[in-house]
Amino acid sequence: MTRMRETFSDAELVELGLVTGAFIALGRLHRAFGVAPMDPKTHTVLAERRMLG
């Protein structure tokens, strides 16, 4: 976080957090409602990480 604060202003960090949160929320909404069906292999990396966890 220290490196990010050296590079970005507080306002930019807030904006980055809000935009990132909005994209995550939109992606989850699309997945929940099947708006943009994805190939099952799309989330293989996440599934592998869960098994290693």
N, C-alpha and C. Protein backbone atom coordinates (compact mmCIF):
# COMPACT_ATOMS: atom_id res chain seq x y z
N MET A 1 0.83 -1.19 0.00
CA MET A 1 0.00 0.00 0.00
C MET A 1 0.87 1.25 0.00
N THR A 2 2.01 1.18 0.63
CA THR A 2 2.91 2.33 0.68
C THR A 2 3.33 2.75 -0.72
N ARG A 3 3.65 1.76 -1.55
CA ARG A 3 4.06 2.06 -2.92
C ARG A 3 2.92 2.68 -3.72
N MET A 4 1.72 2.21 -3.48
CA MET A 4 0.57 2.79 -4.18
C MET A 4 0.36 4.23 -3.76
N ARG A 5 0.55 4.52 -2.48
CA ARG A 5 0.38 5.90 -1.99
C ARG A 5 1.45 6.83 -2.54
N GLU A 6 2.61 6.27 -2.86
CA GLU A 6 3.67 7.08 -3.46
C GLU A 6 3.33 7.44 -4.90
N THR A 7 2.57 6.56 -5.55
CA THR A 7 2.27 6.72 -6.97
C THR A 7 0.96 7.46 -7.21
N PHE A 8 -0.05 7.19 -6.38
CA PHE A 8 -1.39 7.74 -6.59
C PHE A 8 -1.81 8.65 -5.44
N SER A 9 -2.67 9.61 -5.76
CA SER A 9 -3.24 10.47 -4.72
C SER A 9 -4.34 9.70 -3.99
N ASP A 10 -4.77 10.22 -2.84
CA ASP A 10 -5.87 9.59 -2.10
C ASP A 10 -7.13 9.51 -2.96
N ALA A 11 -7.42 10.56 -3.69
CA ALA A 11 -8.61 10.58 -4.55
C ALA A 11 -8.52 9.50 -5.63
N GLU A 12 -7.34 9.31 -6.20
CA GLU A 12 -7.17 8.28 -7.23
C GLU A 12 -7.32 6.88 -6.64
N LEU A 13 -6.84 6.68 -5.42
CA LEU A 13 -6.99 5.37 -4.78
C LEU A 13 -8.45 5.07 -4.47
N VAL A 14 -9.19 6.08 -4.04
CA VAL A 14 -10.62 5.90 -3.79
C VAL A 14 -11.32 5.55 -5.10
N GLU A 15 -11.00 6.27 -6.15
CA GLU A 15 -11.62 6.00 -7.45
C GLU A 15 -11.28 4.59 -7.93
N LEU A 16 -10.04 4.19 -7.77
CA LEU A 16 -9.63 2.84 -8.16
C LEU A 16 -10.42 1.79 -7.40
N GLY A 17 -10.59 1.99 -6.11
CA GLY A 17 -11.37 1.05 -5.30
C GLY A 17 -12.82 0.98 -5.73
N LEU A 18 -13.41 2.13 -6.00
CA LEU A 18 -14.82 2.15 -6.43
C LEU A 18 -15.01 1.50 -7.79
N VAL A 19 -14.14 1.80 -8.72
CA VAL A 19 -14.25 1.22 -10.06
C VAL A 19 -14.03 -0.29 -10.01
N THR A 20 -13.04 -0.72 -9.24
CA THR A 20 -12.78 -2.15 -9.10
C THR A 20 -13.97 -2.86 -8.48
N GLY A 21 -14.52 -2.28 -7.42
CA GLY A 21 -15.70 -2.86 -6.78
C GLY A 21 -16.89 -2.93 -7.72
N ALA A 22 -17.08 -1.90 -8.53
CA ALA A 22 -18.20 -1.88 -9.49
C ALA A 22 -18.04 -2.99 -10.52
N PHE A 23 -16.83 -3.19 -11.03
CA PHE A 23 -16.61 -4.24 -12.02
C PHE A 23 -16.80 -5.63 -11.41
N ILE A 24 -16.34 -5.82 -10.19
CA ILE A 24 -16.54 -7.11 -9.52
C ILE A 24 -18.03 -7.37 -9.32
N ALA A 25 -18.75 -6.36 -8.85
CA ALA A 25 -20.19 -6.50 -8.63
C ALA A 25 -20.92 -6.80 -9.94
N LEU A 26 -20.56 -6.10 -11.00
CA LEU A 26 -21.20 -6.32 -12.29
C LEU A 26 -20.92 -7.73 -12.80
N GLY A 27 -19.69 -8.18 -12.63
CA GLY A 27 -19.34 -9.53 -13.06
C GLY A 27 -20.12 -10.59 -12.29
N ARG A 28 -20.29 -10.39 -10.99
CA ARG A 28 -21.06 -11.34 -10.18
C ARG A 28 -22.53 -11.32 -10.56
N LEU A 29 -23.05 -10.13 -10.84
CA LEU A 29 -24.44 -10.01 -11.26
C LEU A 29 -24.66 -10.73 -12.59
N HIS A 30 -23.77 -10.51 -13.53
CA HIS A 30 -23.88 -11.18 -14.83
C HIS A 30 -23.82 -12.70 -14.66
N ARG A 31 -22.93 -13.15 -13.82
CA ARG A 31 -22.80 -14.60 -13.61
C ARG A 31 -24.05 -15.17 -12.93
N ALA A 32 -24.59 -14.45 -11.94
CA ALA A 32 -25.77 -14.93 -11.22
C ALA A 32 -26.99 -15.03 -12.12
N PHE A 33 -27.13 -14.07 -13.04
CA PHE A 33 -28.29 -14.06 -13.92
C PHE A 33 -28.02 -14.70 -15.28
N GLY A 34 -26.82 -15.20 -15.48
CA GLY A 34 -26.49 -15.85 -16.74
C GLY A 34 -26.49 -14.91 -17.93
N VAL A 35 -26.20 -13.64 -17.68
CA VAL A 35 -26.21 -12.64 -18.76
C VAL A 35 -25.13 -12.95 -19.78
N ALA A 36 -23.97 -13.30 -19.33
CA ALA A 36 -22.86 -13.58 -20.22
C ALA A 36 -22.29 -14.95 -19.86
N PRO A 37 -22.90 -16.01 -20.37
CA PRO A 37 -22.41 -17.35 -20.04
C PRO A 37 -20.93 -17.50 -20.39
N MET A 38 -20.20 -18.17 -19.49
CA MET A 38 -18.78 -18.36 -19.70
C MET A 38 -18.47 -19.84 -19.80
N ASP A 39 -17.41 -20.13 -20.50
CA ASP A 39 -16.91 -21.49 -20.60
C ASP A 39 -16.52 -21.95 -19.20
N PRO A 40 -16.84 -23.19 -18.82
CA PRO A 40 -16.49 -23.68 -17.48
C PRO A 40 -14.99 -23.56 -17.16
N LYS A 41 -14.14 -23.59 -18.17
CA LYS A 41 -12.70 -23.50 -17.95
C LYS A 41 -12.26 -22.08 -17.57
N THR A 42 -13.15 -21.12 -17.70
CA THR A 42 -12.81 -19.73 -17.41
C THR A 42 -12.29 -19.56 -15.99
N HIS A 43 -12.86 -20.27 -15.05
CA HIS A 43 -12.49 -20.10 -13.65
C HIS A 43 -11.65 -21.25 -13.12
N THR A 44 -10.97 -21.94 -14.00
CA THR A 44 -10.13 -23.06 -13.59
C THR A 44 -9.06 -22.63 -12.59
N VAL A 45 -8.46 -21.48 -12.82
CA VAL A 45 -7.40 -20.99 -11.92
C VAL A 45 -7.95 -20.80 -10.52
N LEU A 46 -9.15 -20.24 -10.40
CA LEU A 46 -9.74 -20.03 -9.08
C LEU A 46 -10.04 -21.36 -8.40
N ALA A 47 -10.55 -22.31 -9.15
CA ALA A 47 -10.85 -23.62 -8.58
C ALA A 47 -9.58 -24.30 -8.09
N GLU A 48 -8.51 -24.18 -8.85
CA GLU A 48 -7.24 -24.79 -8.45
C GLU A 48 -6.71 -24.14 -7.17
N ARG A 49 -6.86 -22.84 -7.06
CA ARG A 49 -6.39 -22.15 -5.85
C ARG A 49 -7.18 -22.60 -4.63
N ARG A 50 -8.48 -22.81 -4.81
CA ARG A 50 -9.31 -23.26 -3.68
C ARG A 50 -8.85 -24.63 -3.19
N MET A 51 -8.51 -25.51 -4.14
CA MET A 51 -8.07 -26.85 -3.76
C MET A 51 -6.73 -26.80 -3.03
N LEU A 52 -5.88 -25.86 -3.42
CA LEU A 52 -4.57 -25.74 -2.77
C LEU A 52 -4.68 -25.09 -1.40
N GLY A 53 -5.71 -24.20 -1.25
CA GLY A 53 -5.90 -23.39 -0.05
C GLY A 53 -5.86 -24.13 1.21
